[in-house]
PDB file of N, CA and C in Angstrom:
ATOM      1  N   MET A   1      78.201 -54.569  -9.970  1.00  0.00           N
ATOM      2  CA  MET A   1      79.061 -53.717 -10.745  1.00  0.00           C
ATOM      3  C   MET A   1      80.163 -54.574 -11.360  1.00  0.00           C
ATOM      4  N   ALA A   2      80.633 -54.179 -12.545  1.00  0.00           N
ATOM      5  CA  ALA A   2      81.692 -54.904 -13.231  1.00  0.00           C
ATOM      6  C   ALA A   2      82.668 -53.900 -13.825  1.00  0.00           C
ATOM      7  N   LYS A   3      83.886 -54.348 -13.996  1.00  0.00           N
ATOM      8  CA  LYS A   3      84.908 -53.526 -14.627  1.00  0.00           C
ATOM      9  C   LYS A   3      85.481 -54.318 -15.790  1.00  0.00           C
ATOM     10  N   ILE A   4      85.525 -53.683 -16.963  1.00  0.00           N
ATOM     11  CA  ILE A   4      86.096 -54.297 -18.154  1.00  0.00           C
ATOM     12  C   ILE A   4      87.370 -53.532 -18.479  1.00  0.00           C
ATOM     13  N   SER A   5      88.467 -54.271 -18.660  1.00  0.00           N
ATOM     14  CA  SER A   5      89.755 -53.635 -18.948  1.00  0.00           C
ATOM     15  C   SER A   5      90.447 -54.360 -20.085  1.00  0.00           C
ATOM     16  N   ILE A   6      91.240 -53.601 -20.816  1.00  0.00           N
ATOM     17  CA  ILE A   6      92.120 -54.192 -21.818  1.00  0.00           C
ATOM     18  C   ILE A   6      93.469 -53.501 -21.654  1.00  0.00           C
ATOM     19  N   THR A   7      94.516 -54.293 -21.667  1.00  0.00           N
ATOM     20  CA  THR A   7      95.870 -53.768 -21.558  1.00  0.00           C
ATOM     21  C   THR A   7      96.651 -54.186 -22.791  1.00  0.00           C
ATOM     22  N   ILE A   8      97.312 -53.220 -23.400  1.00  0.00           N
ATOM     23  CA  ILE A   8      98.183 -53.470 -24.537  1.00  0.00           C
ATOM     24  C   ILE A   8      99.598 -53.162 -24.079  1.00  0.00           C
ATOM     25  N   GLU A   9     100.492 -54.124 -24.242  1.00  0.00           N
ATOM     26  CA  GLU A   9     101.889 -53.923 -23.894  1.00  0.00           C
ATOM     27  C   GLU A   9     102.737 -54.201 -25.121  1.00  0.00           C
ATOM     28  N   GLY A  10     103.644 -53.308 -25.408  1.00  0.00           N
ATOM     29  CA  GLY A  10     104.517 -53.524 -26.555  1.00  0.00           C
ATOM     30  C   GLY A  10     105.607 -52.489 -26.615  1.00  0.00           C
ATOM     31  N   SER A  11     106.572 -52.744 -27.473  1.00  0.00           N
ATOM     32  CA  SER A  11     107.719 -51.853 -27.570  1.00  0.00           C
ATOM     33  C   SER A  11     107.369 -50.524 -28.234  1.00  0.00           C
ATOM     34  N   THR A  12     106.323 -50.486 -29.051  1.00  0.00           N
ATOM     35  CA  THR A  12     105.959 -49.255 -29.743  1.00  0.00           C
ATOM     36  C   THR A  12     105.219 -48.284 -28.834  1.00  0.00           C
ATOM     37  N   ALA A  13     104.201 -48.776 -28.141  1.00  0.00           N
ATOM     38  CA  ALA A  13     103.339 -47.891 -27.352  1.00  0.00           C
ATOM     39  C   ALA A  13     103.605 -47.966 -25.858  1.00  0.00           C
ATOM     40  N   GLY A  14     104.431 -48.900 -25.424  1.00  0.00           N
ATOM     41  CA  GLY A  14     104.605 -49.092 -23.996  1.00  0.00           C
ATOM     42  C   GLY A  14     103.429 -49.885 -23.464  1.00  0.00           C
ATOM     43  N   THR A  15     102.943 -49.507 -22.308  1.00  0.00           N
ATOM     44  CA  THR A  15     101.799 -50.185 -21.716  1.00  0.00           C
ATOM     45  C   THR A  15     100.631 -49.219 -21.626  1.00  0.00           C
ATOM     46  N   ILE A  16      99.517 -49.620 -22.209  1.00  0.00           N
ATOM     47  CA  ILE A  16      98.306 -48.797 -22.199  1.00  0.00           C
ATOM     48  C   ILE A  16      97.169 -49.663 -21.676  1.00  0.00           C
ATOM     49  N   THR A  17      96.468 -49.164 -20.668  1.00  0.00           N
ATOM     50  CA  THR A  17      95.308 -49.860 -20.128  1.00  0.00           C
ATOM     51  C   THR A  17      94.102 -48.943 -20.237  1.00  0.00           C
ATOM     52  N   VAL A  18      93.026 -49.490 -20.758  1.00  0.00           N
ATOM     53  CA  VAL A  18      91.758 -48.767 -20.845  1.00  0.00           C
ATOM     54  C   VAL A  18      90.739 -49.577 -20.064  1.00  0.00           C
ATOM     55  N   SER A  19      89.997 -48.916 -19.194  1.00  0.00           N
ATOM     56  CA  SER A  19      89.009 -49.600 -18.364  1.00  0.00           C
ATOM     57  C   SER A  19      87.677 -48.883 -18.431  1.00  0.00           C
ATOM     58  N   ASP A  20      86.635 -49.649 -18.202  1.00  0.00           N
ATOM     59  CA  ASP A  20      85.284 -49.100 -18.130  1.00  0.00           C
ATOM     60  C   ASP A  20      84.570 -49.790 -16.979  1.00  0.00           C
ATOM     61  N   THR A  21      84.022 -49.022 -16.076  1.00  0.00           N
ATOM     62  CA  THR A  21      83.271 -49.584 -14.962  1.00  0.00           C
ATOM     63  C   THR A  21      81.787 -49.494 -15.284  1.00  0.00           C
ATOM     64  N   LEU A  22      81.124 -50.636 -15.213  1.00  0.00           N
ATOM     65  CA  LEU A  22      79.700 -50.698 -15.525  1.00  0.00           C
ATOM     66  C   LEU A  22      78.876 -50.553 -14.258  1.00  0.00           C
ATOM     67  N   THR A  23      77.728 -49.925 -14.380  1.00  0.00           N
ATOM     68  CA  THR A  23      76.794 -49.871 -13.264  1.00  0.00           C
ATOM     69  C   THR A  23      76.272 -51.289 -13.015  1.00  0.00           C
ATOM     70  N   LYS A  24      75.598 -51.502 -11.906  1.00  0.00           N
ATOM     71  CA  LYS A  24      75.043 -52.822 -11.623  1.00  0.00           C
ATOM     72  C   LYS A  24      74.056 -53.225 -12.712  1.00  0.00           C
ATOM     73  N   ASP A  25      73.211 -52.298 -13.137  1.00  0.00           N
ATOM     74  CA  ASP A  25      72.247 -52.605 -14.190  1.00  0.00           C
ATOM     75  C   ASP A  25      72.957 -53.004 -15.481  1.00  0.00           C
ATOM     76  N   HIS A  26      73.947 -52.233 -15.882  1.00  0.00           N
ATOM     77  CA  HIS A  26      74.687 -52.560 -17.105  1.00  0.00           C
ATOM     78  C   HIS A  26      75.462 -53.859 -16.950  1.00  0.00           C
ATOM     79  N   SER A  27      76.005 -54.082 -15.763  1.00  0.00           N
ATOM     80  CA  SER A  27      76.725 -55.328 -15.499  1.00  0.00           C
ATOM     81  C   SER A  27      75.787 -56.524 -15.619  1.00  0.00           C
ATOM     82  N   ASP A  28      74.596 -56.407 -15.051  1.00  0.00           N
ATOM     83  CA  ASP A  28      73.609 -57.490 -15.146  1.00  0.00           C
ATOM     84  C   ASP A  28      73.220 -57.746 -16.604  1.00  0.00           C
ATOM     85  N   ARG A  29      73.022 -56.684 -17.361  1.00  0.00           N
ATOM     86  CA  ARG A  29      72.671 -56.827 -18.774  1.00  0.00           C
ATOM     87  C   ARG A  29      73.815 -57.449 -19.563  1.00  0.00           C
ATOM     88  N   PHE A  30      75.041 -57.036 -19.250  1.00  0.00           N
ATOM     89  CA  PHE A  30      76.204 -57.599 -19.919  1.00  0.00           C
ATOM     90  C   PHE A  30      76.318 -59.096 -19.628  1.00  0.00           C
ATOM     91  N   MET A  31      76.138 -59.481 -18.377  1.00  0.00           N
ATOM     92  CA  MET A  31      76.234 -60.898 -18.011  1.00  0.00           C
ATOM     93  C   MET A  31      75.126 -61.706 -18.681  1.00  0.00           C
ATOM     94  N   ALA A  32      73.923 -61.136 -18.766  1.00  0.00           N
ATOM     95  CA  ALA A  32      72.829 -61.838 -19.439  1.00  0.00           C
ATOM     96  C   ALA A  32      73.169 -62.054 -20.917  1.00  0.00           C
ATOM     97  N   TRP A  33      73.728 -61.044 -21.553  1.00  0.00           N
ATOM     98  CA  TRP A  33      74.143 -61.182 -22.956  1.00  0.00           C
ATOM     99  C   TRP A  33      75.266 -62.205 -23.083  1.00  0.00           C
ATOM    100  N   LEU A  34      76.238 -62.143 -22.163  1.00  0.00           N
ATOM    101  CA  LEU A  34      77.364 -63.071 -22.199  1.00  0.00           C
ATOM    102  C   LEU A  34      76.881 -64.513 -22.084  1.00  0.00           C
ATOM    103  N   VAL A  35      75.955 -64.774 -21.166  1.00  0.00           N
ATOM    104  CA  VAL A  35      75.406 -66.127 -20.998  1.00  0.00           C
ATOM    105  C   VAL A  35      74.629 -66.545 -22.245  1.00  0.00           C
ATOM    106  N   ALA A  36      73.810 -65.630 -22.784  1.00  0.00           N
ATOM    107  CA  ALA A  36      73.021 -65.965 -23.975  1.00  0.00           C
ATOM    108  C   ALA A  36      73.915 -66.223 -25.186  1.00  0.00           C
ATOM    109  N   SER A  37      75.000 -65.480 -25.301  1.00  0.00           N
ATOM    110  CA  SER A  37      75.863 -65.583 -26.478  1.00  0.00           C
ATOM    111  C   SER A  37      76.950 -66.637 -26.352  1.00  0.00           C
ATOM    112  N   TYR A  38      77.496 -66.810 -25.154  1.00  0.00           N
ATOM    113  CA  TYR A  38      78.674 -67.663 -24.974  1.00  0.00           C
ATOM    114  C   TYR A  38      78.520 -68.679 -23.840  1.00  0.00           C
ATOM    115  N   GLY A  39      77.296 -68.884 -23.383  1.00  0.00           N
ATOM    116  CA  GLY A  39      77.065 -69.737 -22.220  1.00  0.00           C
ATOM    117  C   GLY A  39      77.264 -71.223 -22.445  1.00  0.00           C
ATOM    118  N   THR A  40      77.249 -71.636 -23.712  1.00  0.00           N
ATOM    119  CA  THR A  40      77.473 -73.052 -24.008  1.00  0.00           C
ATOM    120  C   THR A  40      78.508 -73.175 -25.113  1.00  0.00           C
ATOM    121  N   ASP A  41      79.196 -74.311 -25.101  1.00  0.00           N
ATOM    122  CA  ASP A  41      80.186 -74.540 -26.153  1.00  0.00           C
ATOM    123  C   ASP A  41      79.502 -75.179 -27.358  1.00  0.00           C
ATOM    124  N   GLY A  42      80.277 -75.562 -28.347  1.00  0.00           N
ATOM    125  CA  GLY A  42      79.739 -76.127 -29.581  1.00  0.00           C
ATOM    126  C   GLY A  42      78.956 -77.407 -29.379  1.00  0.00           C
ATOM    127  N   ASP A  43      79.232 -78.123 -28.286  1.00  0.00           N
ATOM    128  CA  ASP A  43      78.518 -79.361 -27.984  1.00  0.00           C
ATOM    129  C   ASP A  43      77.302 -79.129 -27.099  1.00  0.00           C
ATOM    130  N   GLY A  44      77.047 -77.868 -26.725  1.00  0.00           N
ATOM    131  CA  GLY A  44      75.918 -77.554 -25.856  1.00  0.00           C
ATOM    132  C   GLY A  44      76.227 -77.674 -24.376  1.00  0.00           C
ATOM    133  N   SER A  45      77.483 -77.961 -24.044  1.00  0.00           N
ATOM    134  CA  SER A  45      77.863 -78.047 -22.632  1.00  0.00           C
ATOM    135  C   SER A  45      78.022 -76.652 -22.051  1.00  0.00           C
ATOM    136  N   PRO A  46      77.565 -76.463 -20.803  1.00  0.00           N
ATOM    137  CA  PRO A  46      77.662 -75.125 -20.213  1.00  0.00           C
ATOM    138  C   PRO A  46      79.116 -74.714 -19.991  1.00  0.00           C
ATOM    139  N   ARG A  47      79.363 -73.435 -20.166  1.00  0.00           N
ATOM    140  CA  ARG A  47      80.683 -72.860 -19.902  1.00  0.00           C
ATOM    141  C   ARG A  47      80.660 -72.153 -18.562  1.00  0.00           C
ATOM    142  N   THR A  48      81.815 -72.085 -17.934  1.00  0.00           N
ATOM    143  CA  THR A  48      81.965 -71.290 -16.713  1.00  0.00           C
ATOM    144  C   THR A  48      82.082 -69.822 -17.119  1.00  0.00           C
ATOM    145  N   PRO A  49      81.860 -68.886 -16.191  1.00  0.00           N
ATOM    146  CA  PRO A  49      82.040 -67.469 -16.543  1.00  0.00           C
ATOM    147  C   PRO A  49      83.416 -67.167 -17.156  1.00  0.00           C
ATOM    148  N   PRO A  50      84.526 -67.689 -16.605  1.00  0.00           N
ATOM    149  CA  PRO A  50      85.807 -67.422 -17.272  1.00  0.00           C
ATOM    150  C   PRO A  50      85.862 -67.976 -18.701  1.00  0.00           C
ATOM    151  N   GLU A  51      85.258 -69.131 -18.932  1.00  0.00           N
ATOM    152  CA  GLU A  51      85.230 -69.700 -20.276  1.00  0.00           C
ATOM    153  C   GLU A  51      84.388 -68.846 -21.224  1.00  0.00           C
ATOM    154  N   MET A  52      83.279 -68.296 -20.711  1.00  0.00           N
ATOM    155  CA  MET A  52      82.448 -67.412 -21.530  1.00  0.00           C
ATOM    156  C   MET A  52      83.231 -66.171 -21.934  1.00  0.00           C
ATOM    157  N   ILE A  53      83.957 -65.598 -20.993  1.00  0.00           N
ATOM    158  CA  ILE A  53      84.738 -64.395 -21.278  1.00  0.00           C
ATOM    159  C   ILE A  53      85.855 -64.712 -22.264  1.00  0.00           C
ATOM    160  N   GLU A  54      86.516 -65.862 -22.097  1.00  0.00           N
ATOM    161  CA  GLU A  54      87.564 -66.258 -23.038  1.00  0.00           C
ATOM    162  C   GLU A  54      86.992 -66.448 -24.446  1.00  0.00           C
ATOM    163  N   SER A  55      85.820 -67.037 -24.545  1.00  0.00           N
ATOM    164  CA  SER A  55      85.183 -67.234 -25.843  1.00  0.00           C
ATOM    165  C   SER A  55      84.801 -65.894 -26.463  1.00  0.00           C
ATOM    166  N   CYS A  56      84.269 -65.002 -25.654  1.00  0.00           N
ATOM    167  CA  CYS A  56      83.925 -63.660 -26.128  1.00  0.00           C
ATOM    168  C   CYS A  56      85.182 -62.961 -26.637  1.00  0.00           C
ATOM    169  N   TRP A  57      86.262 -63.017 -25.863  1.00  0.00           N
ATOM    170  CA  TRP A  57      87.509 -62.380 -26.269  1.00  0.00           C
ATOM    171  C   TRP A  57      88.032 -62.979 -27.574  1.00  0.00           C
ATOM    172  N   ALA A  58      87.897 -64.285 -27.750  1.00  0.00           N
ATOM    173  CA  ALA A  58      88.351 -64.924 -28.992  1.00  0.00           C
ATOM    174  C   ALA A  58      87.626 -64.318 -30.193  1.00  0.00           C
ATOM    175  N   GLY A  59      86.339 -64.042 -30.052  1.00  0.00           N
ATOM    176  CA  GLY A  59      85.576 -63.411 -31.129  1.00  0.00           C
ATOM    177  C   GLY A  59      86.014 -61.976 -31.377  1.00  0.00           C
ATOM    178  N   ILE A  60      86.249 -61.247 -30.309  1.00  0.00           N
ATOM    179  CA  ILE A  60      86.718 -59.860 -30.446  1.00  0.00           C
ATOM    180  C   ILE A  60      88.080 -59.844 -31.136  1.00  0.00           C
ATOM    181  N   ARG A  61      88.980 -60.711 -30.680  1.00  0.00           N
ATOM    182  CA  ARG A  61      90.329 -60.789 -31.249  1.00  0.00           C
ATOM    183  C   ARG A  61      90.262 -61.145 -32.738  1.00  0.00           C
ATOM    184  N   ALA A  62      89.418 -62.106 -33.099  1.00  0.00           N
ATOM    185  CA  ALA A  62      89.283 -62.499 -34.505  1.00  0.00           C
ATOM    186  C   ALA A  62      88.800 -61.312 -35.341  1.00  0.00           C
ATOM    187  N   GLY A  63      87.871 -60.529 -34.810  1.00  0.00           N
ATOM    188  CA  GLY A  63      87.389 -59.347 -35.519  1.00  0.00           C
ATOM    189  C   GLY A  63      88.480 -58.300 -35.700  1.00  0.00           C
ATOM    190  N   ILE A  64      89.283 -58.090 -34.662  1.00  0.00           N
ATOM    191  CA  ILE A  64      90.394 -57.135 -34.753  1.00  0.00           C
ATOM    192  C   ILE A  64      91.377 -57.597 -35.827  1.00  0.00           C
ATOM    193  N   PHE A  65      91.741 -58.880 -35.786  1.00  0.00           N
ATOM    194  CA  PHE A  65      92.692 -59.406 -36.764  1.00  0.00           C
ATOM    195  C   PHE A  65      92.138 -59.289 -38.187  1.00  0.00           C
ATOM    196  N   ALA A  66      90.855 -59.558 -38.364  1.00  0.00           N
ATOM    197  CA  ALA A  66      90.237 -59.438 -39.687  1.00  0.00           C
ATOM    198  C   ALA A  66      90.301 -57.990 -40.182  1.00  0.00           C
ATOM    199  N   ASN A  67      90.080 -57.030 -39.298  1.00  0.00           N
ATOM    200  CA  ASN A  67      90.170 -55.615 -39.680  1.00  0.00           C
ATOM    201  C   ASN A  67      91.595 -55.224 -40.031  1.00  0.00           C
ATOM    202  N   ILE A  68      92.572 -55.741 -39.294  1.00  0.00           N
ATOM    203  CA  ILE A  68      93.978 -55.462 -39.602  1.00  0.00           C
ATOM    204  C   ILE A  68      94.323 -56.004 -40.985  1.00  0.00           C
ATOM    205  N   GLU A  69      93.929 -57.243 -41.249  1.00  0.00           N
ATOM    206  CA  GLU A  69      94.225 -57.860 -42.545  1.00  0.00           C
ATOM    207  C   GLU A  69      93.546 -57.099 -43.685  1.00  0.00           C
ATOM    208  N   ALA A  70      92.307 -56.667 -43.486  1.00  0.00           N
ATOM    209  CA  ALA A  70      91.601 -55.913 -44.522  1.00  0.00           C
ATOM    210  C   ALA A  70      92.308 -54.587 -44.804  1.00  0.00           C
ATOM    211  N   ARG A  71      92.757 -53.918 -43.758  1.00  0.00           N
ATOM    212  CA  ARG A  71      93.481 -52.658 -43.928  1.00  0.00           C
ATOM    213  C   ARG A  71      94.778 -52.891 -44.697  1.00  0.00           C
ATOM    214  N   GLU A  72      95.515 -53.939 -44.323  1.00  0.00           N
ATOM    215  CA  GLU A  72      96.777 -54.225 -45.010  1.00  0.00           C
ATOM    216  C   GLU A  72      96.547 -54.595 -46.472  1.00  0.00           C
ATOM    217  N   ARG A  73      95.450 -55.320 -46.771  1.00  0.00           N
ATOM    218  CA  ARG A  73      95.119 -55.634 -48.172  1.00  0.00           C
ATOM    219  C   ARG A  73      94.802 -54.351 -48.942  1.00  0.00           C
ATOM    220  N   ASP A  74      94.058 -53.436 -48.308  1.00  0.00           N
ATOM    221  CA  ASP A  74      93.726 -52.169 -48.962  1.00  0.00           C
ATOM    222  C   ASP A  74      94.991 -51.369 -49.264  1.00  0.00           C
ATOM    223  N   ILE A  75      95.915 -51.325 -48.321  1.00  0.00           N
ATOM    224  CA  ILE A  75      97.172 -50.594 -48.526  1.00  0.00           C
ATOM    225  C   ILE A  75      97.973 -51.228 -49.661  1.00  0.00           C
ATOM    226  N   ALA A  76      98.066 -52.565 -49.654  1.00  0.00           N
ATOM    227  CA  ALA A  76      98.808 -53.263 -50.708  1.00  0.00           C
ATOM    228  C   ALA A  76      98.149 -53.064 -52.076  1.00  0.00           C
ATOM    229  N   ALA A  77      96.831 -53.092 -52.113  1.00  0.00           N
ATOM    230  CA  ALA A  77      96.124 -52.901 -53.379  1.00  0.00           C
ATOM    231  C   ALA A  77      96.346 -51.489 -53.908  1.00  0.00           C
ATOM    232  N   GLN A  78      96.316 -50.504 -53.021  1.00  0.00           N
ATOM    233  CA  GLN A  78      96.557 -49.124 -53.451  1.00  0.00           C
ATOM    234  C   GLN A  78      97.983 -48.969 -53.957  1.00  0.00           C
ATOM    235  N   ALA A  79      98.956 -49.583 -53.289  1.00  0.00           N
ATOM    236  CA  ALA A  79     100.346 -49.519 -53.742  1.00  0.00           C
ATOM    237  C   ALA A  79     100.485 -50.151 -55.124  1.00  0.00           C
ATOM    238  N   ALA A  80      99.795 -51.252 -55.347  1.00  0.00           N
ATOM    239  CA  ALA A  80      99.844 -51.906 -56.657  1.00  0.00           C
ATOM    240  C   ALA A  80      99.220 -51.010 -57.727  1.00  0.00           C
ATOM    241  N   ARG A  81      98.095 -50.375 -57.419  1.00  0.00           N
ATOM    242  CA  ARG A  81      97.459 -49.458 -58.389  1.00  0.00           C
ATOM    243  C   ARG A  81      98.386 -48.281 -58.698  1.00  0.00           C
ATOM    244  N   ASP A  82      99.009 -47.759 -57.642  1.00  0.00           N
ATOM    245  CA  ASP A  82      99.900 -46.607 -57.822  1.00  0.00           C
ATOM    246  C   ASP A  82     101.154 -46.964 -58.623  1.00  0.00           C
ATOM    247  N   ALA A  83     101.555 -48.230 -58.608  1.00  0.00           N
ATOM    248  CA  ALA A  83     102.772 -48.664 -59.308  1.00  0.00           C
ATOM    249  C   ALA A  83     102.572 -48.838 -60.805  1.00  0.00           C
ATOM    250  N   VAL A  84     101.338 -48.842 -61.270  1.00  0.00           N
ATOM    251  CA  VAL A  84     101.071 -49.032 -62.700  1.00  0.00           C
ATOM    252  C   VAL A  84     101.131 -47.672 -63.385  1.00  0.00           C
ATOM    253  N   PRO A  85     102.113 -47.516 -64.299  1.00  0.00           N
ATOM    254  CA  PRO A  85     102.227 -46.215 -64.972  1.00  0.00           C
ATOM    255  C   PRO A  85     101.108 -46.026 -65.984  1.00  0.00           C
ATOM    256  N   PRO A  86     100.747 -44.791 -66.231  1.00  0.00           N
ATOM    257  CA  PRO A  86      99.716 -44.545 -67.236  1.00  0.00           C
ATOM    258  C   PRO A  86     100.258 -44.869 -68.626  1.00  0.00           C
ATOM    259  N   MET A  87      99.367 -45.204 -69.513  1.00  0.00           N
ATOM    260  CA  MET A  87      99.746 -45.449 -70.906  1.00  0.00           C
ATOM    261  C   MET A  87      99.421 -44.213 -71.714  1.00  0.00           C
ATOM    262  N   ALA A  88     100.385 -43.814 -72.546  1.00  0.00           N
ATOM    263  CA  ALA A  88     100.168 -42.672 -73.415  1.00  0.00           C
ATOM    264  C   ALA A  88     100.423 -43.127 -74.847  1.00  0.00           C
ATOM    265  N   SER A  89      99.651 -42.584 -75.718  1.00  0.00           N
ATOM    266  CA  SER A  89      99.816 -42.908 -77.130  1.00  0.00           C
ATOM    267  C   SER A  89     101.125 -42.311 -77.629  1.00  0.00           C
ATOM    268  N   GLU A  90     101.858 -43.100 -78.425  1.00  0.00           N
ATOM    269  CA  GLU A  90     103.115 -42.589 -78.971  1.00  0.00           C
ATOM    270  C   GLU A  90     102.881 -41.778 -80.224  1.00  0.00           C
ATOM    271  N   THR A  91     101.726 -41.915 -80.802  1.00  0.00           N
ATOM    272  CA  THR A  91     101.410 -41.117 -81.973  1.00  0.00           C
ATOM    273  C   THR A  91     100.142 -40.338 -81.709  1.00  0.00           C
ATOM    274  N   ALA A  92     100.120 -39.171 -82.228  1.00  0.00           N
ATOM    275  CA  ALA A  92      98.940 -38.323 -82.030  1.00  0.00           C
ATOM    276  C   ALA A  92      97.815 -38.807 -82.934  1.00  0.00           C
ATOM    277  N   ILE A  93      96.615 -38.753 -82.448  1.00  0.00           N
ATOM    278  CA  ILE A  93      95.443 -39.097 -83.241  1.00  0.00           C
ATOM    279  C   ILE A  93      94.918 -37.804 -83.827  1.00  0.00           C
ATOM    280  N   GLU A  94      94.743 -37.821 -85.121  1.00  0.00           N
ATOM    281  CA  GLU A  94      94.284 -36.578 -85.773  1.00  0.00           C
ATOM    282  C   GLU A  94      92.848 -36.699 -86.191  1.00  0.00           C
TER     283      GLU A  94
END
């Protein structure tokens, strides 16, 4: 059996912890995936279980940061679009 937890601490939300307990079967499958995905470093040297988890977390963190940046770009782009006033003809076309 395995337990996966993430804790977020900050002045806005306080401290929030979310956990998930895996069954033995799911834990075994998770470890097999972890070894297959993160079991060796870039040079092919084996990683320890803590190193595999740290590498996995680095990928998760990079994905979260990429999503945050994409959201902020979308917000900035929308603000820029909204800031452009419409153009109206000063003379009527007949």
